[in-house]
Each structure stands twice: as structure tokens, then as C-alpha cells.
N, C-alpha and C. Protein backbone atom coordinates (compact mmCIF):
# COMPACT_ATOMS: atom_id res chain seq x y z
N MET A 1 194.45 324.49 68.92
CA MET A 1 195.37 325.22 69.75
C MET A 1 194.92 325.29 71.20
N LEU A 2 193.63 325.57 71.39
CA LEU A 2 193.17 325.75 72.78
C LEU A 2 193.41 324.53 73.65
N PRO A 3 193.08 323.31 73.21
CA PRO A 3 193.38 322.17 74.08
C PRO A 3 194.87 322.06 74.41
N THR A 4 195.73 322.33 73.43
CA THR A 4 197.17 322.27 73.65
C THR A 4 197.59 323.27 74.71
N ILE A 5 197.12 324.49 74.60
CA ILE A 5 197.49 325.52 75.56
C ILE A 5 196.88 325.24 76.93
N LEU A 6 195.57 325.02 76.97
CA LEU A 6 194.87 324.87 78.25
C LEU A 6 195.33 323.67 79.06
N THR A 7 195.58 322.54 78.40
CA THR A 7 196.01 321.35 79.16
C THR A 7 197.35 321.61 79.83
N GLN A 8 198.26 322.29 79.14
CA GLN A 8 199.57 322.58 79.72
C GLN A 8 199.46 323.57 80.88
N VAL A 9 198.66 324.61 80.70
CA VAL A 9 198.48 325.60 81.78
C VAL A 9 197.82 324.94 82.98
N LEU A 10 196.76 324.17 82.75
CA LEU A 10 196.05 323.52 83.85
C LEU A 10 196.94 322.52 84.60
N ALA A 11 197.88 321.92 83.88
CA ALA A 11 198.81 320.98 84.52
C ALA A 11 199.96 321.71 85.21
N GLY A 12 199.99 323.04 85.10
CA GLY A 12 201.04 323.83 85.74
C GLY A 12 202.36 323.76 85.01
N GLN A 13 202.31 323.38 83.74
CA GLN A 13 203.53 323.25 82.94
C GLN A 13 203.75 324.50 82.09
N ALA A 14 204.98 324.68 81.66
CA ALA A 14 205.25 325.72 80.68
C ALA A 14 204.48 325.36 79.42
N VAL A 15 203.99 326.36 78.71
CA VAL A 15 203.23 326.13 77.48
C VAL A 15 204.23 326.05 76.32
N HIS A 16 204.35 324.86 75.75
CA HIS A 16 205.24 324.65 74.61
C HIS A 16 204.42 324.73 73.34
N LEU A 17 204.76 325.70 72.49
CA LEU A 17 204.07 325.92 71.23
C LEU A 17 205.10 326.05 70.12
N GLY A 18 204.62 326.17 68.90
CA GLY A 18 205.50 326.45 67.78
C GLY A 18 205.74 327.95 67.71
N LYS A 19 205.57 328.51 66.55
CA LYS A 19 205.76 329.94 66.35
C LYS A 19 204.64 330.71 67.05
N LEU A 20 204.97 331.78 67.74
CA LEU A 20 204.00 332.52 68.55
C LEU A 20 203.33 333.67 67.82
N SER A 21 203.85 334.08 66.67
CA SER A 21 203.34 335.28 66.00
C SER A 21 202.18 335.06 65.03
N PRO A 22 201.96 333.86 64.47
CA PRO A 22 200.82 333.73 63.54
C PRO A 22 199.51 334.10 64.24
N THR A 23 198.60 334.68 63.46
CA THR A 23 197.32 335.09 64.03
C THR A 23 196.19 334.23 63.47
N ARG A 24 195.15 334.11 64.26
CA ARG A 24 193.98 333.33 63.89
C ARG A 24 192.71 334.08 64.28
N ASP A 25 191.65 333.83 63.53
CA ASP A 25 190.32 334.36 63.81
C ASP A 25 189.54 333.17 64.35
N LEU A 26 189.30 333.15 65.64
CA LEU A 26 188.69 331.99 66.30
C LEU A 26 187.21 332.21 66.55
N VAL A 27 186.40 331.23 66.14
CA VAL A 27 184.95 331.28 66.30
C VAL A 27 184.54 330.17 67.25
N ASN A 28 183.73 330.49 68.22
CA ASN A 28 183.23 329.50 69.17
C ASN A 28 182.40 328.44 68.45
N VAL A 29 182.48 327.22 68.92
CA VAL A 29 181.77 326.11 68.28
C VAL A 29 180.26 326.34 68.27
N ASP A 30 179.70 326.96 69.30
CA ASP A 30 178.26 327.23 69.30
C ASP A 30 177.88 328.17 68.17
N ASP A 31 178.70 329.19 67.94
CA ASP A 31 178.46 330.12 66.84
C ASP A 31 178.63 329.42 65.48
N THR A 32 179.61 328.54 65.39
CA THR A 32 179.85 327.81 64.14
C THR A 32 178.66 326.93 63.79
N VAL A 33 178.17 326.17 64.75
CA VAL A 33 177.03 325.29 64.51
C VAL A 33 175.80 326.10 64.12
N ARG A 34 175.58 327.21 64.82
CA ARG A 34 174.45 328.06 64.49
C ARG A 34 174.57 328.58 63.06
N GLY A 35 175.78 328.96 62.65
CA GLY A 35 176.01 329.43 61.29
C GLY A 35 175.75 328.34 60.25
N PHE A 36 176.19 327.12 60.53
CA PHE A 36 175.93 325.99 59.62
C PHE A 36 174.42 325.75 59.48
N MET A 37 173.72 325.82 60.59
CA MET A 37 172.27 325.59 60.56
C MET A 37 171.57 326.68 59.75
N LEU A 38 171.97 327.92 59.94
CA LEU A 38 171.39 329.02 59.16
C LEU A 38 171.69 328.87 57.67
N ALA A 39 172.93 328.49 57.35
CA ALA A 39 173.31 328.31 55.94
C ALA A 39 172.49 327.20 55.29
N ALA A 40 172.21 326.14 56.04
CA ALA A 40 171.43 325.03 55.50
C ALA A 40 169.98 325.43 55.24
N GLU A 41 169.50 326.43 55.95
CA GLU A 41 168.11 326.86 55.82
C GLU A 41 167.90 327.96 54.78
N ARG A 42 168.96 328.57 54.29
CA ARG A 42 168.85 329.73 53.42
C ARG A 42 169.27 329.41 51.99
N ASP A 43 168.32 329.48 51.07
CA ASP A 43 168.62 329.23 49.66
C ASP A 43 169.64 330.23 49.12
N GLU A 44 169.66 331.45 49.65
CA GLU A 44 170.60 332.47 49.18
C GLU A 44 172.04 332.06 49.40
N ALA A 45 172.27 331.15 50.32
CA ALA A 45 173.64 330.73 50.64
C ALA A 45 174.12 329.60 49.74
N LEU A 46 173.21 328.96 49.01
CA LEU A 46 173.60 327.83 48.16
C LEU A 46 174.67 328.25 47.15
N GLY A 47 175.76 327.49 47.13
CA GLY A 47 176.84 327.75 46.18
C GLY A 47 177.68 328.97 46.48
N ARG A 48 177.47 329.61 47.60
CA ARG A 48 178.20 330.83 47.96
C ARG A 48 179.23 330.50 49.04
N THR A 49 180.32 331.21 49.01
CA THR A 49 181.31 331.10 50.07
C THR A 49 180.91 332.07 51.17
N VAL A 50 180.69 331.52 52.34
CA VAL A 50 180.29 332.33 53.50
C VAL A 50 181.27 332.03 54.62
N GLN A 51 181.95 333.04 55.07
CA GLN A 51 182.91 332.87 56.16
C GLN A 51 182.24 333.11 57.50
N LEU A 52 182.28 332.11 58.34
CA LEU A 52 181.84 332.28 59.73
C LEU A 52 183.07 332.73 60.49
N ALA A 53 183.16 334.01 60.72
CA ALA A 53 184.36 334.61 61.30
C ALA A 53 183.95 335.75 62.22
N THR A 54 184.89 336.14 63.05
CA THR A 54 184.63 337.27 63.95
C THR A 54 185.15 338.58 63.39
N GLY A 55 186.12 338.49 62.48
CA GLY A 55 186.78 339.70 62.00
C GLY A 55 187.81 340.21 62.99
N ARG A 56 188.15 339.39 63.98
CA ARG A 56 189.14 339.74 65.00
C ARG A 56 190.21 338.66 65.00
N GLU A 57 191.46 339.05 65.02
CA GLU A 57 192.53 338.07 65.05
C GLU A 57 193.33 338.19 66.34
N ILE A 58 193.93 337.08 66.73
CA ILE A 58 194.77 337.05 67.92
C ILE A 58 195.97 336.17 67.60
N SER A 59 197.13 336.57 68.07
CA SER A 59 198.33 335.76 67.83
C SER A 59 198.32 334.54 68.75
N VAL A 60 199.06 333.53 68.36
CA VAL A 60 199.17 332.32 69.16
C VAL A 60 199.70 332.67 70.55
N GLY A 61 200.72 333.51 70.61
CA GLY A 61 201.28 333.90 71.90
C GLY A 61 200.29 334.66 72.76
N ASP A 62 199.54 335.58 72.14
CA ASP A 62 198.53 336.33 72.90
C ASP A 62 197.39 335.42 73.36
N LEU A 63 197.06 334.40 72.57
CA LEU A 63 196.03 333.45 72.99
C LEU A 63 196.49 332.68 74.23
N ALA A 64 197.76 332.29 74.25
CA ALA A 64 198.29 331.61 75.44
C ALA A 64 198.21 332.53 76.66
N ALA A 65 198.54 333.80 76.48
CA ALA A 65 198.45 334.76 77.58
C ALA A 65 197.00 334.94 78.04
N LEU A 66 196.07 334.97 77.10
CA LEU A 66 194.65 335.08 77.44
C LEU A 66 194.20 333.86 78.26
N CYS A 67 194.63 332.69 77.86
CA CYS A 67 194.28 331.47 78.60
C CYS A 67 194.76 331.55 80.04
N MET A 68 195.95 332.05 80.23
CA MET A 68 196.48 332.19 81.59
C MET A 68 195.69 333.22 82.39
N ARG A 69 195.32 334.33 81.76
CA ARG A 69 194.49 335.33 82.46
C ARG A 69 193.16 334.73 82.89
N VAL A 70 192.53 333.99 81.99
CA VAL A 70 191.24 333.37 82.29
C VAL A 70 191.38 332.40 83.46
N LEU A 71 192.49 331.66 83.49
CA LEU A 71 192.70 330.67 84.55
C LEU A 71 193.32 331.27 85.81
N GLY A 72 193.71 332.53 85.75
CA GLY A 72 194.28 333.19 86.92
C GLY A 72 195.63 332.63 87.33
N THR A 73 196.43 332.26 86.36
CA THR A 73 197.75 331.71 86.65
C THR A 73 198.73 332.16 85.59
N THR A 74 200.01 331.94 85.86
CA THR A 74 201.05 332.28 84.90
C THR A 74 202.06 331.16 84.83
N VAL A 75 202.37 330.75 83.63
CA VAL A 75 203.46 329.81 83.37
C VAL A 75 204.25 330.37 82.19
N ALA A 76 205.42 329.82 81.97
CA ALA A 76 206.25 330.28 80.86
C ALA A 76 205.63 329.85 79.53
N ILE A 77 205.86 330.65 78.50
CA ILE A 77 205.47 330.30 77.14
C ILE A 77 206.76 330.05 76.36
N VAL A 78 206.88 328.87 75.78
CA VAL A 78 208.10 328.47 75.10
C VAL A 78 207.81 328.17 73.64
N SER A 79 208.58 328.77 72.75
CA SER A 79 208.50 328.43 71.34
C SER A 79 209.46 327.25 71.14
N ALA A 80 208.90 326.05 71.06
CA ALA A 80 209.70 324.83 71.01
C ALA A 80 210.04 324.45 69.57
N GLU A 81 211.28 324.18 69.31
CA GLU A 81 211.77 323.85 67.98
C GLU A 81 210.98 322.71 67.33
N GLU A 82 210.70 321.67 68.10
CA GLU A 82 210.00 320.51 67.52
C GLU A 82 208.55 320.81 67.13
N ARG A 83 208.03 321.93 67.61
CA ARG A 83 206.65 322.29 67.28
C ARG A 83 206.56 323.33 66.15
N LEU A 84 207.69 323.78 65.66
CA LEU A 84 207.68 324.73 64.56
C LEU A 84 207.31 324.02 63.26
N ARG A 85 206.47 324.65 62.48
CA ARG A 85 206.11 324.10 61.18
C ARG A 85 207.21 324.42 60.18
N PRO A 86 207.34 323.60 59.15
CA PRO A 86 208.30 323.97 58.10
C PRO A 86 207.94 325.34 57.54
N ALA A 87 208.96 326.13 57.21
CA ALA A 87 208.76 327.53 56.81
C ALA A 87 207.70 327.69 55.72
N ALA A 88 207.70 326.83 54.73
CA ALA A 88 206.76 326.98 53.61
C ALA A 88 205.33 326.58 53.97
N SER A 89 205.13 325.97 55.13
CA SER A 89 203.78 325.51 55.48
C SER A 89 203.09 326.38 56.53
N GLU A 90 203.82 327.29 57.15
CA GLU A 90 203.21 328.14 58.18
C GLU A 90 202.33 329.20 57.53
N VAL A 91 201.13 329.33 58.05
CA VAL A 91 200.22 330.39 57.61
C VAL A 91 200.32 331.48 58.68
N GLU A 92 200.81 332.64 58.28
CA GLU A 92 201.06 333.71 59.23
C GLU A 92 199.78 334.39 59.72
N ARG A 93 198.78 334.46 58.84
CA ARG A 93 197.59 335.22 59.22
C ARG A 93 196.34 334.57 58.65
N LEU A 94 195.38 334.28 59.50
CA LEU A 94 194.06 333.81 59.09
C LEU A 94 193.03 334.72 59.74
N LEU A 95 192.46 335.59 58.92
CA LEU A 95 191.47 336.55 59.40
C LEU A 95 190.29 336.51 58.45
N GLY A 96 189.11 336.18 58.95
CA GLY A 96 187.93 336.07 58.12
C GLY A 96 187.16 337.37 58.02
N ASP A 97 186.25 337.38 57.05
CA ASP A 97 185.37 338.53 56.83
C ASP A 97 183.93 338.06 57.03
N PRO A 98 183.31 338.44 58.14
CA PRO A 98 181.97 337.95 58.45
C PRO A 98 180.84 338.69 57.72
N SER A 99 181.15 339.61 56.82
CA SER A 99 180.10 340.46 56.23
C SER A 99 179.09 339.66 55.41
N ARG A 100 179.52 338.65 54.65
CA ARG A 100 178.56 337.87 53.86
C ARG A 100 177.68 337.01 54.77
N ALA A 101 178.23 336.51 55.86
CA ALA A 101 177.42 335.75 56.81
C ALA A 101 176.33 336.63 57.41
N ALA A 102 176.68 337.88 57.68
CA ALA A 102 175.68 338.82 58.21
C ALA A 102 174.63 339.13 57.16
N GLU A 103 175.07 339.37 55.94
CA GLU A 103 174.16 339.73 54.85
C GLU A 103 173.22 338.59 54.46
N LEU A 104 173.76 337.40 54.25
CA LEU A 104 172.95 336.29 53.75
C LEU A 104 172.23 335.51 54.84
N LEU A 105 172.87 335.42 56.01
CA LEU A 105 172.34 334.55 57.06
C LEU A 105 171.81 335.31 58.27
N GLY A 106 172.13 336.58 58.37
CA GLY A 106 171.80 337.31 59.58
C GLY A 106 172.65 336.83 60.75
N TRP A 107 173.81 336.26 60.44
CA TRP A 107 174.69 335.65 61.44
C TRP A 107 175.78 336.62 61.86
N ARG A 108 176.10 336.57 63.11
CA ARG A 108 177.30 337.20 63.64
C ARG A 108 177.73 336.38 64.85
N ALA A 109 179.01 336.39 65.14
CA ALA A 109 179.50 335.68 66.31
C ALA A 109 178.92 336.32 67.56
N GLU A 110 178.39 335.50 68.44
CA GLU A 110 177.80 336.01 69.68
C GLU A 110 178.65 335.72 70.91
N VAL A 111 179.48 334.69 70.84
CA VAL A 111 180.33 334.33 71.98
C VAL A 111 181.69 334.99 71.78
N SER A 112 182.06 335.87 72.71
CA SER A 112 183.35 336.54 72.61
C SER A 112 184.48 335.53 72.80
N LEU A 113 185.64 335.87 72.30
CA LEU A 113 186.80 335.00 72.48
C LEU A 113 187.05 334.74 73.96
N GLU A 114 186.98 335.79 74.75
CA GLU A 114 187.24 335.65 76.18
C GLU A 114 186.23 334.71 76.85
N ASP A 115 184.94 334.87 76.53
CA ASP A 115 183.92 333.98 77.10
C ASP A 115 184.08 332.55 76.61
N GLY A 116 184.40 332.39 75.34
CA GLY A 116 184.60 331.05 74.78
C GLY A 116 185.78 330.35 75.44
N VAL A 117 186.87 331.07 75.63
CA VAL A 117 188.03 330.49 76.30
C VAL A 117 187.68 330.13 77.74
N ALA A 118 186.95 330.99 78.42
CA ALA A 118 186.57 330.70 79.82
C ALA A 118 185.68 329.46 79.90
N ARG A 119 184.73 329.34 78.99
CA ARG A 119 183.85 328.15 78.98
C ARG A 119 184.65 326.88 78.73
N PHE A 120 185.52 326.95 77.73
CA PHE A 120 186.31 325.76 77.39
C PHE A 120 187.30 325.43 78.49
N ALA A 121 187.88 326.44 79.12
CA ALA A 121 188.82 326.20 80.22
C ALA A 121 188.12 325.49 81.38
N ALA A 122 186.89 325.89 81.67
CA ALA A 122 186.13 325.22 82.74
C ALA A 122 185.88 323.77 82.39
N TRP A 123 185.54 323.51 81.14
CA TRP A 123 185.32 322.12 80.70
C TRP A 123 186.62 321.34 80.77
N MET A 124 187.71 321.94 80.31
CA MET A 124 189.01 321.26 80.32
C MET A 124 189.44 320.94 81.75
N ARG A 125 189.20 321.85 82.66
CA ARG A 125 189.57 321.63 84.06
C ARG A 125 188.88 320.36 84.59
N ASP A 126 187.62 320.17 84.21
CA ASP A 126 186.86 319.00 84.67
C ASP A 126 187.23 317.72 83.92
N ASN A 127 187.91 317.84 82.79
CA ASN A 127 188.20 316.68 81.95
C ASN A 127 189.69 316.51 81.66
N LEU A 128 190.53 317.14 82.43
CA LEU A 128 191.97 317.11 82.18
C LEU A 128 192.53 315.69 82.18
N GLY A 129 191.93 314.80 82.95
CA GLY A 129 192.40 313.42 83.02
C GLY A 129 192.32 312.68 81.70
N SER A 130 191.55 313.20 80.76
CA SER A 130 191.42 312.58 79.44
C SER A 130 192.54 313.01 78.48
N TYR A 131 193.40 313.91 78.93
CA TYR A 131 194.45 314.46 78.08
C TYR A 131 195.83 314.12 78.63
N ARG A 132 196.83 314.23 77.79
CA ARG A 132 198.23 314.02 78.18
C ARG A 132 198.99 315.31 77.88
N PRO A 133 198.92 316.28 78.79
CA PRO A 133 199.50 317.60 78.50
C PRO A 133 200.99 317.60 78.26
N GLY A 134 201.73 316.64 78.76
CA GLY A 134 203.18 316.63 78.58
C GLY A 134 203.62 316.01 77.28
N GLU A 135 202.71 315.44 76.51
CA GLU A 135 203.07 314.77 75.27
C GLU A 135 202.71 315.59 74.06
N TYR A 136 203.62 315.66 73.11
CA TYR A 136 203.37 316.38 71.87
C TYR A 136 202.93 315.39 70.81
N GLN A 137 201.74 315.58 70.28
CA GLN A 137 201.18 314.72 69.23
C GLN A 137 201.32 315.44 67.91
N ARG A 138 202.02 314.89 66.97
CA ARG A 138 202.16 315.52 65.65
C ARG A 138 200.96 315.28 64.81
């Protein structure tokens, strides 16, 4: 989602998304890698389901608004028909429980959503030429 949103905002285009209300629990890649490394080192984690999650959810629409705040700009957010998932395939809510990761691995997310978005936005700004923000890839 973030590349889709950020490339459009950085290009000064309206942000075209599917449904804006589904929520997601987003974990920064640095935290994810650290969690994988800890899980690989801990025998207690073998065969166990461990969710690397923040326990915080944000809607797709609110994530787009956060991206604009981070970038200090505003563009329209459009729920585009061609980007809507079929009704039976949309997942309305994905919220993880980080308690087992804390218990077994001593892991918790360290990068806030806001900081993670700001870091990625800075990288995207420097690499926007590698993306095609006006094209929708299914």
C-alpha cells in the first residue's frame, strides 16, 4: 500500500485506492527482520505461531492522510472502482497480537508508523523515477 500511496502523492496526483475503510496493522521492515532473527535464535519459538505486530490498526484512508501529512502536501483521495476487490475477497480488518512475540522473543515494534512512513517517504522521494505512479498494476 505505501508505495502505491506515496508514489501518487509525490507525483502530485490524486491518490487512487480501492476501499478506504479496511484496517491494517503495519510493521516496519526493520522490526520485521529483527523479529525473524530473534525467532530463528529462540528454541521456544519453534513450531509456535508468533505474530510480529504492533497491536495498532489504521484504515487505508487514514494511512493515505498520514502520508500526506508526512510529506506536507494534500491531494484528493479517490476510491476507484477498478481498484476495489471483489466483495468476498476483501479483508476488512487485520490486527495482530504482539503479546507472544514479547513473551517468547522479547520483541516489540520499535519503529512507529509515523517514523516508518517518514523514512520510506524520504526513500521514495529519491527513487520516484523507478516507479510509474499513474499506472495501476493488478
